Amino acid sequence: MADEENEQEAPEPKLFTLTEAERTRREIEPVLIEAIELRKKLAPLVEELGAISAHIQWVGGSIVPYEKTARLRFEHDKLAESLKAALEKIQSTGCLIKDLDTGLLDFPAIINHEEVYLCWKLGEERIRFWHRQNEGFAGRKPLNPGDAGPKDPVQ
């Protein structure tokens, strides 16, 4: 029973109107681009640090390139912290990062009394698609004028 009292329920996801999702998308698009660039810069550092680690293990730890490893680790940690901050900023808005490499975001919404995702991918001019929660990118459907409801028409 004590465990049940200590468990916190997950917060209800924010539900976006199309207008709110568009406004949020415009605000976080530069942060998303920054996150994608940071991840691209991190990839070779991760690979190089992995190669150094494998080499150290192979030679039994007797030859360790301390300065190079420290420099790479510092650069890696700095980029990783910046990436984490960018991702947290995006997620704090209530939108969901579905694929960072392609810049794919979902915005929880209601269409026809059903919880769905408004779907946007970096490079698209605006949010024009939606899909059910159990569908992914392949299930995207174009938004129709009535989908967003009478107070929030599709633009």
Foldseek 3Di string as FASTA:
>chain_A
DVVVVPDDDDDDFDADFQVLVFVLCVVLVVLLVLLLVLVVVLVVLVVVLVVQVVVCVVVVNPDHPVVVNVVSVVVNVVSVVSNVVSVCVSVVSRWDQPDSNFQKIWHFHDFPNATWTQIDTPPDPGGFWIAHPVDDPVRIDGDDQPGSHPVRGDD
